[in-house]
Amino acid sequence: MNHPDRPAGRALTEAEAEAEAIRLIAEGYSDNAPVATRYKDPTPPPAIGYAPPVQQDGRAPMSQRATDISGIMLATGIASVPISGGISLVMWTVGQVNPVVVGIVCVAPVAFLGALSRVFKSAKAVVAAAPPTIHQHYEGTVIQDNTEVTTHTRGVIARTDNRFDR
């Protein structure tokens, strides 16, 4: 609360601050006494410890989705070790095998699974892209306007051609 004799925003001199403190102490608590609305503690926060920060054990903090994906990547990486070891053992034992044949044998299952996954994805997209069947029942005169707008934009300075087909 501002003192009536002092303009707002001007700091008190030491003598004015002492006089204000004496006035407030003498006045005591009353309804017209100024109320503190905030207080900033000037003491610095205490230090918790002296050791510098250390990297913590475990995985770095990340989202749940990122954690799930990293777990899948770790599992597939570990699962590839016995497969790679088995292939290496077969190649070492055979010795004189045509490298093209070995490459085809090793790549064929992966290519087959990739093609199979694309087939499933495209089948899922076709099912999702089919428009829903809508049954509408009207009474009286109904006018349906099916207008298609074909837009073609080209050039550095864009020029747009709109064609209306009815």
N, C-alpha and C. Protein backbone atom coordinates (compact mmCIF):
# COMPACT_ATOMS: atom_id res chain seq x y z
N MET A 1 0.86 -1.17 0.00
CA MET A 1 0.00 0.00 0.00
C MET A 1 0.90 1.23 0.00
N ASN A 2 0.56 2.20 -0.82
CA ASN A 2 1.40 3.39 -0.94
C ASN A 2 1.10 4.37 0.18
N HIS A 3 2.14 5.03 0.60
CA HIS A 3 2.00 6.09 1.59
C HIS A 3 1.43 7.31 0.88
N PRO A 4 0.49 8.03 1.51
CA PRO A 4 -0.14 9.16 0.82
C PRO A 4 0.81 10.31 0.51
N ASP A 5 1.90 10.45 1.25
CA ASP A 5 2.82 11.56 1.03
C ASP A 5 3.90 11.23 0.00
N ARG A 6 4.00 9.99 -0.44
CA ARG A 6 5.10 9.58 -1.32
C ARG A 6 4.52 9.10 -2.65
N PRO A 7 5.09 9.53 -3.78
CA PRO A 7 4.59 9.06 -5.08
C PRO A 7 4.89 7.58 -5.27
N ALA A 8 4.03 6.90 -6.04
CA ALA A 8 4.18 5.46 -6.25
C ALA A 8 5.44 5.18 -7.05
N GLY A 9 6.14 4.10 -6.69
CA GLY A 9 7.31 3.68 -7.44
C GLY A 9 8.62 4.23 -6.91
N ARG A 10 8.61 5.16 -5.96
CA ARG A 10 9.84 5.72 -5.42
C ARG A 10 10.25 4.92 -4.20
N ALA A 11 11.51 4.53 -4.12
CA ALA A 11 12.00 3.77 -2.98
C ALA A 11 12.11 4.66 -1.74
N LEU A 12 11.90 4.03 -0.58
CA LEU A 12 12.00 4.77 0.68
C LEU A 12 13.46 4.98 1.05
N THR A 13 13.73 6.12 1.65
CA THR A 13 15.07 6.31 2.21
C THR A 13 15.12 5.52 3.52
N GLU A 14 16.30 5.40 4.07
CA GLU A 14 16.43 4.63 5.31
C GLU A 14 15.64 5.27 6.45
N ALA A 15 15.63 6.58 6.52
CA ALA A 15 14.89 7.28 7.58
C ALA A 15 13.38 7.09 7.38
N GLU A 16 12.91 7.17 6.11
CA GLU A 16 11.49 6.97 5.84
C GLU A 16 11.07 5.53 6.16
N ALA A 17 11.95 4.58 5.84
CA ALA A 17 11.63 3.18 6.11
C ALA A 17 11.54 2.95 7.62
N GLU A 18 12.43 3.55 8.38
CA GLU A 18 12.41 3.39 9.83
C GLU A 18 11.15 4.04 10.43
N ALA A 19 10.78 5.21 9.93
CA ALA A 19 9.57 5.89 10.41
C ALA A 19 8.32 5.07 10.07
N GLU A 20 8.30 4.49 8.86
CA GLU A 20 7.16 3.66 8.44
C GLU A 20 7.06 2.42 9.31
N ALA A 21 8.22 1.82 9.67
CA ALA A 21 8.21 0.63 10.52
C ALA A 21 7.70 0.97 11.92
N ILE A 22 8.11 2.10 12.45
CA ILE A 22 7.64 2.52 13.78
C ILE A 22 6.14 2.77 13.75
N ARG A 23 5.64 3.41 12.67
CA ARG A 23 4.21 3.68 12.54
C ARG A 23 3.42 2.38 12.48
N LEU A 24 3.92 1.41 11.71
CA LEU A 24 3.20 0.15 11.57
C LEU A 24 3.18 -0.63 12.89
N ILE A 25 4.31 -0.59 13.63
CA ILE A 25 4.36 -1.29 14.91
C ILE A 25 3.42 -0.62 15.91
N ALA A 26 3.41 0.70 15.92
CA ALA A 26 2.55 1.42 16.86
C ALA A 26 1.08 1.22 16.50
N GLU A 27 0.78 1.17 15.22
CA GLU A 27 -0.60 1.02 14.79
C GLU A 27 -1.12 -0.37 15.10
N GLY A 28 -0.25 -1.38 15.03
CA GLY A 28 -0.68 -2.75 15.30
C GLY A 28 -1.54 -3.27 14.17
N TYR A 29 -2.18 -4.38 14.40
CA TYR A 29 -3.02 -4.97 13.37
C TYR A 29 -4.38 -4.29 13.39
N SER A 30 -4.81 -3.79 12.25
CA SER A 30 -6.15 -3.20 12.14
C SER A 30 -6.65 -3.47 10.73
N ASP A 31 -7.86 -3.10 10.46
CA ASP A 31 -8.43 -3.34 9.13
C ASP A 31 -7.80 -2.47 8.06
N ASN A 32 -7.27 -1.33 8.44
CA ASN A 32 -6.68 -0.45 7.43
C ASN A 32 -5.16 -0.61 7.34
N ALA A 33 -4.58 -1.57 8.04
CA ALA A 33 -3.14 -1.81 7.97
C ALA A 33 -2.81 -2.47 6.63
N PRO A 34 -1.66 -2.12 6.03
CA PRO A 34 -1.29 -2.73 4.75
C PRO A 34 -1.03 -4.23 4.91
N VAL A 35 -1.39 -4.97 3.88
CA VAL A 35 -1.23 -6.42 3.90
C VAL A 35 -0.19 -6.80 2.86
N ALA A 36 0.74 -7.66 3.26
CA ALA A 36 1.76 -8.12 2.32
C ALA A 36 1.11 -9.06 1.32
N THR A 37 1.34 -8.81 0.04
CA THR A 37 0.77 -9.67 -0.99
C THR A 37 1.80 -10.62 -1.57
N ARG A 38 3.09 -10.35 -1.38
CA ARG A 38 4.12 -11.27 -1.84
C ARG A 38 5.38 -11.05 -1.02
N TYR A 39 6.24 -12.07 -1.03
CA TYR A 39 7.50 -11.99 -0.32
C TYR A 39 8.52 -12.82 -1.08
N LYS A 40 9.67 -12.24 -1.36
CA LYS A 40 10.73 -12.97 -2.03
C LYS A 40 11.86 -13.17 -1.02
N ASP A 41 12.15 -14.43 -0.76
CA ASP A 41 13.21 -14.77 0.19
C ASP A 41 14.56 -14.50 -0.47
N PRO A 42 15.38 -13.62 0.11
CA PRO A 42 16.66 -13.28 -0.54
C PRO A 42 17.75 -14.32 -0.34
N THR A 43 17.56 -15.28 0.57
CA THR A 43 18.61 -16.26 0.80
C THR A 43 18.67 -17.25 -0.37
N PRO A 44 19.88 -17.65 -0.76
CA PRO A 44 20.00 -18.59 -1.88
C PRO A 44 19.50 -19.98 -1.46
N PRO A 45 18.99 -20.76 -2.41
CA PRO A 45 18.52 -22.10 -2.06
C PRO A 45 19.68 -22.98 -1.59
N PRO A 46 19.42 -23.88 -0.67
CA PRO A 46 20.50 -24.71 -0.16
C PRO A 46 20.98 -25.70 -1.22
N ALA A 47 22.27 -26.00 -1.15
CA ALA A 47 22.85 -26.98 -2.07
C ALA A 47 22.50 -28.38 -1.57
N ILE A 48 22.12 -29.25 -2.48
CA ILE A 48 21.76 -30.62 -2.09
C ILE A 48 23.01 -31.45 -1.87
N GLY A 49 23.97 -31.32 -2.76
CA GLY A 49 25.20 -32.08 -2.62
C GLY A 49 26.30 -31.42 -3.41
N TYR A 50 27.50 -31.99 -3.33
CA TYR A 50 28.65 -31.39 -3.97
C TYR A 50 29.06 -32.13 -5.24
N ALA A 51 28.48 -33.30 -5.47
CA ALA A 51 28.89 -34.12 -6.61
C ALA A 51 28.28 -33.56 -7.90
N PRO A 52 29.03 -33.61 -9.02
CA PRO A 52 28.46 -33.18 -10.29
C PRO A 52 27.42 -34.19 -10.77
N PRO A 53 26.53 -33.80 -11.67
CA PRO A 53 25.52 -34.74 -12.16
C PRO A 53 26.17 -35.91 -12.88
N VAL A 54 25.56 -37.09 -12.71
CA VAL A 54 26.10 -38.32 -13.27
C VAL A 54 25.03 -38.96 -14.13
N GLN A 55 25.44 -39.56 -15.26
CA GLN A 55 24.50 -40.26 -16.12
C GLN A 55 23.87 -41.41 -15.34
N GLN A 56 22.55 -41.49 -15.37
CA GLN A 56 21.83 -42.52 -14.64
C GLN A 56 21.77 -43.82 -15.45
N ASP A 57 21.64 -44.93 -14.75
CA ASP A 57 21.54 -46.23 -15.41
C ASP A 57 20.18 -46.35 -16.08
N GLY A 58 20.09 -47.24 -17.06
CA GLY A 58 18.82 -47.51 -17.72
C GLY A 58 18.66 -46.69 -18.99
N ARG A 59 17.48 -46.76 -19.54
CA ARG A 59 17.19 -46.06 -20.78
C ARG A 59 16.93 -44.58 -20.50
N ALA A 60 17.21 -43.78 -21.51
CA ALA A 60 16.95 -42.33 -21.39
C ALA A 60 15.44 -42.09 -21.37
N PRO A 61 14.98 -41.03 -20.74
CA PRO A 61 13.54 -40.76 -20.71
C PRO A 61 13.01 -40.51 -22.12
N MET A 62 11.91 -41.20 -22.45
CA MET A 62 11.28 -41.04 -23.76
C MET A 62 9.82 -41.44 -23.65
N SER A 63 9.07 -41.21 -24.71
CA SER A 63 7.65 -41.51 -24.70
C SER A 63 7.42 -43.01 -24.66
N GLN A 64 6.19 -43.42 -24.34
CA GLN A 64 5.86 -44.84 -24.26
C GLN A 64 5.99 -45.50 -25.62
N ARG A 65 5.59 -44.80 -26.68
CA ARG A 65 5.69 -45.36 -28.03
C ARG A 65 7.16 -45.57 -28.40
N ALA A 66 8.02 -44.59 -28.11
CA ALA A 66 9.44 -44.73 -28.41
C ALA A 66 10.06 -45.88 -27.61
N THR A 67 9.63 -46.05 -26.36
CA THR A 67 10.13 -47.15 -25.54
C THR A 67 9.71 -48.49 -26.13
N ASP A 68 8.46 -48.60 -26.58
CA ASP A 68 7.99 -49.85 -27.19
C ASP A 68 8.75 -50.17 -28.46
N ILE A 69 8.96 -49.17 -29.31
CA ILE A 69 9.67 -49.40 -30.57
C ILE A 69 11.12 -49.79 -30.31
N SER A 70 11.76 -49.15 -29.33
CA SER A 70 13.15 -49.50 -29.05
C SER A 70 13.25 -50.92 -28.50
N GLY A 71 12.26 -51.34 -27.72
CA GLY A 71 12.25 -52.73 -27.24
C GLY A 71 12.11 -53.72 -28.37
N ILE A 72 11.26 -53.40 -29.36
CA ILE A 72 11.10 -54.28 -30.52
C ILE A 72 12.40 -54.33 -31.32
N MET A 73 13.06 -53.19 -31.48
CA MET A 73 14.31 -53.18 -32.23
C MET A 73 15.38 -54.01 -31.52
N LEU A 74 15.45 -53.91 -30.19
CA LEU A 74 16.42 -54.71 -29.44
C LEU A 74 16.12 -56.20 -29.58
N ALA A 75 14.84 -56.57 -29.51
CA ALA A 75 14.48 -57.98 -29.61
C ALA A 75 14.80 -58.54 -30.99
N THR A 76 14.51 -57.78 -32.04
CA THR A 76 14.82 -58.28 -33.38
C THR A 76 16.32 -58.32 -33.62
N GLY A 77 17.05 -57.39 -33.04
CA GLY A 77 18.51 -57.44 -33.17
C GLY A 77 19.09 -58.67 -32.52
N ILE A 78 18.57 -59.00 -31.34
CA ILE A 78 19.06 -60.20 -30.64
C ILE A 78 18.63 -61.45 -31.40
N ALA A 79 17.42 -61.44 -31.99
CA ALA A 79 16.94 -62.61 -32.72
C ALA A 79 17.73 -62.83 -34.00
N SER A 80 18.35 -61.78 -34.54
CA SER A 80 19.12 -61.96 -35.78
C SER A 80 20.47 -62.62 -35.55
N VAL A 81 20.96 -62.66 -34.30
CA VAL A 81 22.27 -63.25 -34.02
C VAL A 81 22.30 -64.75 -34.34
N PRO A 82 21.35 -65.57 -33.85
CA PRO A 82 21.44 -67.00 -34.19
C PRO A 82 21.24 -67.26 -35.68
N ILE A 83 20.40 -66.48 -36.34
CA ILE A 83 20.19 -66.67 -37.77
C ILE A 83 21.48 -66.37 -38.52
N SER A 84 22.12 -65.25 -38.19
CA SER A 84 23.38 -64.89 -38.85
C SER A 84 24.46 -65.92 -38.55
N GLY A 85 24.50 -66.37 -37.31
CA GLY A 85 25.50 -67.40 -36.95
C GLY A 85 25.27 -68.70 -37.71
N GLY A 86 24.02 -69.10 -37.86
CA GLY A 86 23.72 -70.32 -38.62
C GLY A 86 24.11 -70.19 -40.07
N ILE A 87 23.80 -69.06 -40.68
CA ILE A 87 24.18 -68.84 -42.07
C ILE A 87 25.69 -68.84 -42.22
N SER A 88 26.39 -68.17 -41.29
CA SER A 88 27.85 -68.14 -41.35
C SER A 88 28.43 -69.54 -41.20
N LEU A 89 27.86 -70.35 -40.33
CA LEU A 89 28.34 -71.72 -40.13
C LEU A 89 28.15 -72.56 -41.38
N VAL A 90 27.00 -72.43 -42.02
CA VAL A 90 26.74 -73.17 -43.27
C VAL A 90 27.72 -72.74 -44.34
N MET A 91 27.94 -71.43 -44.49
CA MET A 91 28.86 -70.95 -45.51
C MET A 91 30.29 -71.41 -45.23
N TRP A 92 30.68 -71.45 -43.99
CA TRP A 92 32.04 -71.88 -43.64
C TRP A 92 32.23 -73.36 -43.92
N THR A 93 31.19 -74.16 -43.61
CA THR A 93 31.30 -75.61 -43.84
C THR A 93 31.30 -75.94 -45.33
N VAL A 94 30.47 -75.29 -46.08
CA VAL A 94 30.38 -75.63 -47.50
C VAL A 94 31.64 -75.17 -48.24
N GLY A 95 32.11 -74.01 -47.98
CA GLY A 95 33.36 -73.54 -48.57
C GLY A 95 33.26 -73.11 -50.01
N GLN A 96 33.01 -74.02 -50.93
CA GLN A 96 33.02 -73.72 -52.35
C GLN A 96 31.61 -73.56 -52.91
N VAL A 97 30.82 -72.69 -52.36
CA VAL A 97 29.46 -72.47 -52.82
C VAL A 97 29.43 -71.20 -53.67
N ASN A 98 28.57 -71.22 -54.67
CA ASN A 98 28.40 -70.05 -55.52
C ASN A 98 27.76 -68.92 -54.69
N PRO A 99 28.40 -67.73 -54.60
CA PRO A 99 27.86 -66.66 -53.78
C PRO A 99 26.50 -66.16 -54.25
N VAL A 100 26.22 -66.25 -55.54
CA VAL A 100 24.93 -65.80 -56.06
C VAL A 100 23.82 -66.69 -55.51
N VAL A 101 24.06 -67.99 -55.47
CA VAL A 101 23.06 -68.92 -54.95
C VAL A 101 22.82 -68.65 -53.46
N VAL A 102 23.88 -68.42 -52.71
CA VAL A 102 23.74 -68.13 -51.28
C VAL A 102 22.95 -66.83 -51.08
N GLY A 103 23.24 -65.82 -51.91
CA GLY A 103 22.51 -64.56 -51.81
C GLY A 103 21.03 -64.74 -52.10
N ILE A 104 20.71 -65.52 -53.13
CA ILE A 104 19.31 -65.76 -53.47
C ILE A 104 18.61 -66.49 -52.34
N VAL A 105 19.26 -67.51 -51.78
CA VAL A 105 18.65 -68.28 -50.70
C VAL A 105 18.43 -67.41 -49.47
N CYS A 106 19.33 -66.50 -49.19
CA CYS A 106 19.20 -65.67 -47.99
C CYS A 106 18.19 -64.53 -48.20
N VAL A 107 18.11 -63.98 -49.41
CA VAL A 107 17.26 -62.82 -49.65
C VAL A 107 15.82 -63.23 -49.98
N ALA A 108 15.62 -64.43 -50.50
CA ALA A 108 14.29 -64.86 -50.94
C ALA A 108 13.24 -64.78 -49.82
N PRO A 109 13.49 -65.28 -48.60
CA PRO A 109 12.44 -65.18 -47.57
C PRO A 109 12.10 -63.74 -47.19
N VAL A 110 13.10 -62.89 -47.15
CA VAL A 110 12.86 -61.49 -46.80
C VAL A 110 12.04 -60.81 -47.89
N ALA A 111 12.38 -61.06 -49.15
CA ALA A 111 11.62 -60.47 -50.26
C ALA A 111 10.19 -60.99 -50.27
N PHE A 112 10.01 -62.27 -49.98
CA PHE A 112 8.66 -62.83 -49.94
C PHE A 112 7.82 -62.19 -48.84
N LEU A 113 8.40 -62.03 -47.66
CA LEU A 113 7.66 -61.40 -46.56
C LEU A 113 7.36 -59.93 -46.86
N GLY A 114 8.29 -59.23 -47.51
CA GLY A 114 8.04 -57.84 -47.88
C GLY A 114 6.88 -57.72 -48.87
N ALA A 115 6.86 -58.62 -49.88
CA ALA A 115 5.78 -58.60 -50.85
C ALA A 115 4.45 -58.95 -50.20
N LEU A 116 4.47 -59.92 -49.30
CA LEU A 116 3.26 -60.32 -48.60
C LEU A 116 2.70 -59.18 -47.75
N SER A 117 3.58 -58.46 -47.08
CA SER A 117 3.11 -57.33 -46.25
C SER A 117 2.51 -56.23 -47.12
N ARG A 118 3.08 -55.99 -48.30
CA ARG A 118 2.50 -54.98 -49.21
C ARG A 118 1.11 -55.40 -49.69
N VAL A 119 0.94 -56.69 -49.95
CA VAL A 119 -0.38 -57.18 -50.38
C VAL A 119 -1.40 -56.93 -49.28
N PHE A 120 -1.04 -57.24 -48.03
CA PHE A 120 -1.98 -57.03 -46.92
C PHE A 120 -2.28 -55.54 -46.73
N LYS A 121 -1.26 -54.69 -46.87
CA LYS A 121 -1.47 -53.26 -46.71
C LYS A 121 -2.38 -52.72 -47.80
N SER A 122 -2.18 -53.15 -49.04
CA SER A 122 -3.03 -52.65 -50.13
C SER A 122 -4.46 -53.17 -49.99
N ALA A 123 -4.62 -54.42 -49.50
CA ALA A 123 -5.97 -54.95 -49.29
C ALA A 123 -6.68 -54.15 -48.19
N LYS A 124 -5.94 -53.79 -47.16
CA LYS A 124 -6.51 -53.00 -46.08
C LYS A 124 -6.90 -51.61 -46.59
N ALA A 125 -6.07 -51.02 -47.47
CA ALA A 125 -6.36 -49.70 -48.02
C ALA A 125 -7.59 -49.74 -48.92
N VAL A 126 -7.75 -50.83 -49.68
CA VAL A 126 -8.91 -50.94 -50.56
C VAL A 126 -10.18 -51.04 -49.74
N VAL A 127 -10.14 -51.81 -48.67
CA VAL A 127 -11.32 -51.94 -47.80
C VAL A 127 -11.64 -50.61 -47.13
N ALA A 128 -10.61 -49.89 -46.69
CA ALA A 128 -10.82 -48.61 -46.01
C ALA A 128 -11.28 -47.54 -46.99
N ALA A 129 -10.88 -47.64 -48.29
CA ALA A 129 -11.21 -46.60 -49.25
C ALA A 129 -12.62 -46.75 -49.81
N ALA A 130 -13.27 -47.88 -49.63
CA ALA A 130 -14.61 -48.07 -50.17
C ALA A 130 -15.58 -47.11 -49.47
N PRO A 131 -16.37 -46.36 -50.24
CA PRO A 131 -17.29 -45.40 -49.61
C PRO A 131 -18.42 -46.14 -48.89
N PRO A 132 -18.91 -45.57 -47.83
CA PRO A 132 -20.00 -46.23 -47.11
C PRO A 132 -21.31 -46.16 -47.91
N THR A 133 -22.15 -47.15 -47.74
CA THR A 133 -23.45 -47.18 -48.40
C THR A 133 -24.40 -46.28 -47.61
N ILE A 134 -25.02 -45.32 -48.32
CA ILE A 134 -25.91 -44.37 -47.66
C ILE A 134 -27.31 -44.58 -48.22
N HIS A 135 -28.28 -44.81 -47.35
CA HIS A 135 -29.67 -44.95 -47.74
C HIS A 135 -30.40 -43.70 -47.28
N GLN A 136 -30.96 -42.96 -48.25
CA GLN A 136 -31.68 -41.74 -47.91
C GLN A 136 -33.11 -41.88 -48.43
N HIS A 137 -34.06 -41.48 -47.63
CA HIS A 137 -35.47 -41.58 -47.99
C HIS A 137 -36.06 -40.17 -47.99
N TYR A 138 -36.65 -39.77 -49.14
CA TYR A 138 -37.18 -38.43 -49.28
C TYR A 138 -38.66 -38.51 -49.65
N GLU A 139 -39.38 -37.47 -49.30
CA GLU A 139 -40.77 -37.31 -49.75
C GLU A 139 -40.87 -35.98 -50.47
N GLY A 140 -41.51 -35.94 -51.60
CA GLY A 140 -41.66 -34.71 -52.36
C GLY A 140 -40.59 -34.60 -53.43
N THR A 141 -40.45 -33.39 -54.01
CA THR A 141 -39.50 -33.15 -55.08
C THR A 141 -38.10 -33.00 -54.51
N VAL A 142 -37.17 -33.76 -55.10
CA VAL A 142 -35.78 -33.73 -54.64
C VAL A 142 -34.90 -33.42 -55.85
N ILE A 143 -34.00 -32.45 -55.71
CA ILE A 143 -33.04 -32.12 -56.76
C ILE A 143 -31.65 -32.40 -56.22
N GLN A 144 -30.92 -33.27 -56.92
CA GLN A 144 -29.55 -33.57 -56.52
C GLN A 144 -28.61 -32.94 -57.53
N ASP A 145 -27.62 -32.22 -57.05
CA ASP A 145 -26.63 -31.59 -57.92
C ASP A 145 -25.29 -32.26 -57.63
N ASN A 146 -24.81 -33.04 -58.56
CA ASN A 146 -23.50 -33.70 -58.42
C ASN A 146 -22.51 -32.96 -59.29
N THR A 147 -21.78 -32.04 -58.71
CA THR A 147 -20.79 -31.24 -59.44
C THR A 147 -19.41 -31.68 -59.02
N GLU A 148 -18.56 -31.96 -60.01
CA GLU A 148 -17.16 -32.28 -59.73
C GLU A 148 -16.32 -31.12 -60.20
N VAL A 149 -15.37 -30.73 -59.37
CA VAL A 149 -14.45 -29.65 -59.72
C VAL A 149 -13.08 -30.27 -59.91
N THR A 150 -12.53 -30.11 -61.11
CA THR A 150 -11.18 -30.60 -61.41
C THR A 150 -10.24 -29.42 -61.38
N THR A 151 -9.24 -29.47 -60.53
CA THR A 151 -8.30 -28.37 -60.37
C THR A 151 -6.93 -28.82 -60.85
N HIS A 152 -6.28 -27.96 -61.62
CA HIS A 152 -4.93 -28.25 -62.09
C HIS A 152 -4.10 -27.00 -61.89
N THR A 153 -3.07 -27.08 -61.05
CA THR A 153 -2.20 -25.93 -60.77
C THR A 153 -0.81 -26.25 -61.28
N ARG A 154 -0.21 -25.31 -62.04
CA ARG A 154 1.12 -25.57 -62.56
C ARG A 154 1.87 -24.25 -62.69
N GLY A 155 3.20 -24.36 -62.80
CA GLY A 155 4.05 -23.21 -63.03
C GLY A 155 4.63 -22.63 -61.76
N VAL A 156 5.71 -21.85 -61.94
CA VAL A 156 6.36 -21.21 -60.80
C VAL A 156 5.43 -20.16 -60.22
N ILE A 157 4.85 -19.36 -61.09
CA ILE A 157 3.79 -18.45 -60.66
C ILE A 157 2.51 -19.23 -60.89
N ALA A 158 1.89 -19.67 -59.82
CA ALA A 158 0.81 -20.66 -59.91
C ALA A 158 -0.36 -20.13 -60.72
N ARG A 159 -0.76 -20.95 -61.69
CA ARG A 159 -1.96 -20.65 -62.48
C ARG A 159 -2.88 -21.83 -62.29
N THR A 160 -4.09 -21.59 -61.81
CA THR A 160 -5.03 -22.67 -61.51
C THR A 160 -6.16 -22.65 -62.51
N ASP A 161 -6.44 -23.84 -63.09
CA ASP A 161 -7.57 -24.02 -64.01
C ASP A 161 -8.60 -24.85 -63.28
N ASN A 162 -9.81 -24.33 -63.11
CA ASN A 162 -10.91 -25.07 -62.51
C ASN A 162 -11.90 -25.44 -63.59
N ARG A 163 -12.24 -26.73 -63.68
CA ARG A 163 -13.22 -27.19 -64.66
C ARG A 163 -14.37 -27.83 -63.89
N PHE A 164 -15.58 -27.39 -64.21
CA PHE A 164 -16.77 -27.91 -63.55
C PHE A 164 -17.43 -28.91 -64.47
N ASP A 165 -17.60 -30.14 -63.97
CA ASP A 165 -18.27 -31.20 -64.74
C ASP A 165 -19.58 -31.50 -64.05
N ARG A 166 -20.67 -31.50 -64.82
CA ARG A 166 -21.98 -31.82 -64.25
C ARG A 166 -22.52 -33.07 -64.83
